[in-house]
């Protein structure tokens, strides 16, 4: 084994805004500094980082003019309740929904992410 655990970094137009969005969904804490932010669970496990980039272009999901390159799956107990909560936090819901056991939404920077039931 080479690494202890992975860290995930997302490019975005505003690192603090996107970190607060995902921290609110996951119940994690935010550590932000100029152009960079991390969110971490209270137990100090893996983190997700956000890197502010100039001229950010959001993915064009479901098209591939600007590919999504990655997305997060967030496991939830109830799709309807979780969807309502993330929409209040600033997510948007694209018209195209390819499945019934998950919902595709987009974060405030335009990255697709899925709410999934186990």
Protein backbone atom coordinates (compact mmCIF):
# COMPACT_ATOMS: atom_id res chain seq x y z
CA UNK A 1 0.00 0.00 0.00
CA UNK A 2 1.42 3.37 -1.04
CA UNK A 3 -1.17 5.82 0.29
CA UNK A 4 -3.03 6.08 3.58
CA UNK A 5 -6.26 7.42 2.03
CA UNK A 6 -7.40 9.42 -1.01
CA UNK A 7 -8.17 13.11 -1.04
CA UNK A 8 -10.52 14.53 -3.60
CA UNK A 9 -10.12 18.03 -5.11
CA UNK A 10 -12.75 19.86 -7.17
CA UNK A 11 -12.03 22.89 -9.35
CA UNK A 12 -14.64 25.62 -8.99
CA UNK A 13 -15.20 29.38 -9.36
CA UNK A 14 -15.42 30.03 -5.57
CA UNK A 15 -13.80 27.53 -3.19
CA UNK A 16 -15.51 28.82 -0.04
CA UNK A 17 -19.01 28.79 -1.50
CA UNK A 18 -18.73 25.25 -2.84
CA UNK A 19 -17.08 23.96 0.36
CA UNK A 20 -19.93 25.37 2.47
CA UNK A 21 -22.48 23.76 0.12
CA UNK A 22 -21.01 20.26 0.48
CA UNK A 23 -20.21 20.72 4.18
CA UNK A 24 -23.87 21.50 4.82
CA UNK A 25 -24.99 18.36 2.93
CA UNK A 26 -22.51 16.08 4.72
CA UNK A 27 -22.49 17.75 8.14
CA UNK A 28 -18.73 18.37 7.93
CA UNK A 29 -16.64 21.35 9.00
CA UNK A 30 -15.05 23.87 6.61
CA UNK A 31 -11.48 25.11 6.67
CA UNK A 32 -11.06 27.86 4.08
CA UNK A 33 -8.22 30.11 3.01
CA UNK A 34 -7.59 32.26 -0.05
CA UNK A 35 -8.63 30.28 -3.15
CA UNK A 36 -8.74 26.90 -1.34
CA UNK A 37 -11.07 25.16 1.09
CA UNK A 38 -11.28 21.74 2.74
CA UNK A 39 -14.21 19.99 4.33
CA UNK A 40 -13.66 17.22 6.86
CA UNK A 41 -15.80 15.03 9.07
CA UNK A 42 -15.52 15.55 12.83
CA UNK A 43 -13.56 12.29 13.18
CA UNK A 44 -10.82 13.72 10.95
CA UNK A 45 -11.23 11.13 8.18
CA UNK A 46 -10.91 11.79 4.46
CA UNK A 47 -11.45 15.30 3.21
CA UNK A 48 -12.77 16.92 0.08
CA UNK A 49 -10.90 19.99 -1.13
CA UNK A 50 -11.99 22.82 -3.40
CA UNK A 51 -9.60 24.79 -5.60
CA UNK A 52 -10.64 28.14 -7.02
CA UNK A 53 -9.73 28.51 -10.71
CA UNK A 54 -10.08 31.43 -13.09
CA UNK A 55 -12.36 31.02 -16.10
CA UNK A 56 -13.99 27.90 -14.65
CA UNK A 57 -16.31 26.17 -17.12
CA UNK A 58 -18.93 23.91 -15.52
CA UNK A 59 -19.61 20.48 -17.00
CA UNK A 60 -22.35 20.34 -19.62
CA UNK A 61 -24.23 17.33 -18.27
CA UNK A 62 -25.73 15.21 -19.81
CA UNK A 63 -23.86 16.39 -22.90
CA UNK A 64 -20.10 16.07 -23.16
CA UNK A 65 -19.07 19.43 -24.67
CA UNK A 66 -17.42 20.05 -21.30
CA UNK A 67 -17.21 16.55 -19.72
CA UNK A 68 -18.13 16.03 -16.08
CA UNK A 69 -14.83 14.14 -15.49
CA UNK A 70 -16.04 13.05 -12.03
CA UNK A 71 -19.02 13.25 -9.73
CA UNK A 72 -19.96 12.48 -6.14
CA UNK A 73 -22.58 9.97 -5.10
CA UNK A 74 -24.16 10.97 -1.80
CA UNK A 75 -26.01 8.12 -0.07
CA UNK A 76 -29.33 9.21 1.50
CA UNK A 77 -32.24 7.55 3.27
CA UNK A 78 -35.02 9.40 1.42
CA UNK A 79 -34.58 10.86 -2.08
CA UNK A 80 -37.43 13.35 -1.86
CA UNK A 81 -36.32 14.79 1.49
CA UNK A 82 -32.66 14.95 0.47
CA UNK A 83 -33.50 16.59 -2.85
CA UNK A 84 -35.58 19.29 -1.15
CA UNK A 85 -32.74 20.03 1.28
CA UNK A 86 -29.97 20.31 -1.34
CA UNK A 87 -32.18 22.49 -3.56
CA UNK A 88 -32.58 24.87 -0.58
CA UNK A 89 -28.78 24.94 -0.28
CA UNK A 90 -28.34 26.07 -3.89
CA UNK A 91 -28.32 22.88 -5.98
CA UNK A 92 -30.25 22.72 -9.24
CA UNK A 93 -32.01 19.75 -10.80
CA UNK A 94 -31.52 19.12 -14.52
CA UNK A 95 -34.53 17.95 -16.49
CA UNK A 96 -32.77 14.77 -17.66
CA UNK A 97 -32.97 12.10 -14.93
CA UNK A 98 -31.63 8.73 -16.16
CA UNK A 99 -32.71 6.51 -13.24
CA UNK A 100 -35.26 5.94 -10.49
CA UNK A 101 -33.05 4.96 -7.51
CA UNK A 102 -30.97 8.12 -7.72
CA UNK A 103 -31.35 11.79 -8.61
CA UNK A 104 -28.84 13.83 -10.56
CA UNK A 105 -28.41 17.38 -9.32
CA UNK A 106 -25.84 20.08 -9.92
CA UNK A 107 -23.95 21.94 -7.23
CA UNK A 108 -23.72 25.77 -7.30
CA UNK A 109 -20.64 25.55 -9.58
CA UNK A 110 -22.42 23.23 -12.06
CA UNK A 111 -20.78 19.90 -11.11
CA UNK A 112 -23.23 16.98 -11.34
CA UNK A 113 -23.66 14.89 -8.21
CA UNK A 114 -26.11 12.13 -7.36
CA UNK A 115 -28.34 11.49 -4.41
CA UNK A 116 -28.62 7.69 -4.13
CA UNK A 117 -30.56 5.27 -1.98
CA UNK A 118 -28.82 2.11 -0.90
